[in-house]
Amino acid sequence: MAELASARVKEGINSLLEELDRSCMRKMQGDMHRCAAKCCDNPSLSMEESHTCIESCSKTITEAQAYLQNELTNYQDRLQRCVMQCQDNIRDKVTPSTTEAQVSSFKKDFESCVVKCADAHIDLIPSMTKRMKEVLLSKAKST
């Protein structure tokens, strides 16, 4: 059950990344490469100026990738905290006299809690996608 929930979260994040790649990142990458090609095509630039020009071209995509990584890390951290809360809730119920039947019941409770965490975090993906797309598009326009 928890494995299916994990797979659904992974599928949701992959879908988010595909959407952001199609709607924002590819254009930014294309713009970066076209800009860098112009730097390389300019014979009046010194080697240092050419390198500085190329670095400048990659600034937007580098910032966008850092933003994406930060958002995904935050999402993963939130999901992990939720699962850890599930673990803590079960740990608080276990005593030295806990029976095997209770342990089995606690395992089911834990799995159910993890699935709820996954469902709640999957539900966040559409609004997260929208927000991230807005931020990325604004970064692309600011160049």
Protein backbone atom coordinates (compact mmCIF):
# COMPACT_ATOMS: atom_id res chain seq x y z
CA MET A 1 0.00 0.00 0.00
CA ALA A 2 2.75 2.48 0.93
CA GLU A 3 4.70 1.47 -2.20
CA LEU A 4 1.71 2.38 -4.37
CA ALA A 5 1.41 5.72 -2.59
CA SER A 6 5.11 6.36 -3.15
CA ALA A 7 4.75 5.50 -6.83
CA ARG A 8 1.80 7.90 -7.14
CA VAL A 9 3.83 10.72 -5.54
CA LYS A 10 6.72 9.99 -7.89
CA GLU A 11 4.37 9.98 -10.88
CA GLY A 12 2.88 13.31 -9.77
CA ILE A 13 6.31 14.93 -9.42
CA ASN A 14 7.43 13.55 -12.78
CA SER A 15 4.29 15.02 -14.34
CA LEU A 16 5.05 18.39 -12.68
CA LEU A 17 8.61 18.33 -14.02
CA GLU A 18 7.44 17.41 -17.54
CA GLU A 19 4.94 20.26 -17.50
CA LEU A 20 7.51 22.78 -16.28
CA ASP A 21 10.05 21.55 -18.82
CA ARG A 22 7.59 21.94 -21.71
CA SER A 23 6.12 25.23 -20.59
CA CYS A 24 9.20 27.05 -19.27
CA MET A 25 12.56 25.35 -19.08
CA ARG A 26 13.06 24.38 -22.74
CA LYS A 27 12.48 27.92 -23.93
CA MET A 28 14.88 29.20 -21.29
CA GLN A 29 17.47 26.66 -22.39
CA GLY A 30 17.00 27.59 -26.04
CA ASP A 31 17.34 31.28 -25.19
CA MET A 32 20.51 30.53 -23.22
CA HIS A 33 22.08 28.60 -26.11
CA ARG A 34 21.13 31.23 -28.70
CA CYS A 35 22.59 33.94 -26.47
CA ALA A 36 25.79 31.94 -25.89
CA ALA A 37 26.12 31.31 -29.64
CA LYS A 38 25.99 35.08 -30.22
CA CYS A 39 28.78 35.49 -27.68
CA CYS A 40 30.87 32.94 -29.54
CA ASP A 41 30.07 34.51 -32.92
CA ASN A 42 31.31 37.95 -31.85
CA PRO A 43 34.98 38.15 -32.92
CA SER A 44 35.45 41.54 -31.26
CA LEU A 45 35.17 40.02 -27.78
CA SER A 46 38.29 38.97 -25.92
CA MET A 47 38.42 35.43 -24.55
CA GLU A 48 37.52 36.71 -21.07
CA GLU A 49 34.67 38.86 -22.40
CA SER A 50 33.37 35.88 -24.36
CA HIS A 51 33.37 33.70 -21.22
CA THR A 52 31.67 36.46 -19.20
CA CYS A 53 29.07 36.84 -21.95
CA ILE A 54 28.37 33.08 -21.95
CA GLU A 55 28.08 33.01 -18.14
CA SER A 56 25.66 35.91 -18.31
CA CYS A 57 23.54 33.98 -20.81
CA SER A 58 23.24 31.02 -18.44
CA LYS A 59 22.29 33.08 -15.38
CA THR A 60 18.51 32.79 -15.85
CA ILE A 61 18.47 29.03 -16.42
CA THR A 62 20.86 28.47 -13.51
CA GLU A 63 18.57 30.48 -11.21
CA ALA A 64 15.53 28.63 -12.51
CA GLN A 65 17.13 25.24 -11.89
CA ALA A 66 18.14 26.29 -8.37
CA TYR A 67 14.57 27.46 -7.73
CA LEU A 68 13.16 24.15 -8.98
CA GLN A 69 15.59 22.16 -6.84
CA ASN A 70 14.74 24.21 -3.76
CA GLU A 71 10.98 23.76 -4.28
CA LEU A 72 11.34 20.01 -4.80
CA THR A 73 13.54 19.69 -1.72
CA ASN A 74 10.96 21.58 0.35
CA TYR A 75 8.20 19.33 -0.97
CA GLN A 76 10.19 16.20 -0.16
CA ASP A 77 11.01 17.52 3.32
CA ARG A 78 7.33 18.18 4.01
CA LEU A 79 6.39 14.69 2.89
CA GLN A 80 9.13 13.15 5.03
CA ARG A 81 7.98 15.13 8.08
CA CYS A 82 4.46 13.80 7.56
CA VAL A 83 5.72 10.21 7.40
CA MET A 84 7.89 10.81 10.47
CA GLN A 85 4.79 12.03 12.32
CA CYS A 86 3.11 8.75 11.39
CA GLN A 87 6.09 6.87 12.83
CA ASP A 88 6.00 8.94 16.01
CA ASN A 89 2.27 8.34 16.45
CA ILE A 90 2.78 4.59 16.24
CA ARG A 91 5.91 4.63 18.39
CA ASP A 92 3.91 6.38 21.13
CA LYS A 93 1.43 3.48 21.18
CA VAL A 94 4.03 0.71 21.50
CA THR A 95 4.81 -0.53 25.00
CA PRO A 96 6.85 -3.47 26.29
CA SER A 97 3.60 -5.41 26.65
CA THR A 98 2.41 -4.76 23.09
CA THR A 99 1.09 -7.98 21.55
CA GLU A 100 1.77 -9.28 18.04
CA ALA A 101 -1.86 -8.56 17.15
CA GLN A 102 -1.41 -4.96 18.25
CA VAL A 103 1.85 -4.69 16.30
CA SER A 104 0.02 -5.93 13.21
CA SER A 105 -2.73 -3.38 13.79
CA PHE A 106 -0.16 -0.62 14.30
CA LYS A 107 1.52 -1.54 11.01
CA LYS A 108 -1.82 -1.15 9.24
CA ASP A 109 -2.37 2.19 11.00
CA PHE A 110 1.09 3.32 9.91
CA GLU A 111 0.48 2.32 6.28
CA SER A 112 -2.86 4.10 6.31
CA CYS A 113 -1.22 7.23 7.72
CA VAL A 114 1.51 7.12 5.06
CA VAL A 115 -1.11 6.81 2.32
CA LYS A 116 -2.89 9.87 3.77
CA CYS A 117 0.41 11.77 3.68
CA ALA A 118 0.93 10.79 0.06
CA ASP A 119 -2.63 11.74 -0.89
CA ALA A 120 -2.34 15.11 0.82
CA HIS A 121 0.95 15.85 -0.90
CA ILE A 122 -0.29 14.67 -4.29
CA ASP A 123 -3.17 17.12 -3.85
CA LEU A 124 -0.58 19.92 -3.50
CA ILE A 125 1.00 19.25 -6.89
CA PRO A 126 -1.46 21.19 -9.12
CA SER A 127 -1.16 24.42 -7.10
CA MET A 128 2.58 23.88 -6.77
CA THR A 129 2.86 23.47 -10.56
CA LYS A 130 0.88 26.66 -11.15
CA ARG A 131 2.97 28.66 -8.69
CA MET A 132 6.27 27.33 -9.98
CA LYS A 133 5.25 27.99 -13.58
CA GLU A 134 4.38 31.60 -12.70
CA VAL A 135 7.76 32.10 -11.01
CA LEU A 136 9.68 30.51 -13.89
CA LEU A 137 7.82 32.50 -16.53
CA SER A 138 8.50 35.71 -14.62
CA LYS A 139 12.22 34.79 -14.48
CA ALA A 140 12.22 34.16 -18.23
CA LYS A 141 10.58 37.53 -18.91
CA SER A 142 13.02 39.42 -16.70
CA THR A 143 15.92 38.64 -19.03
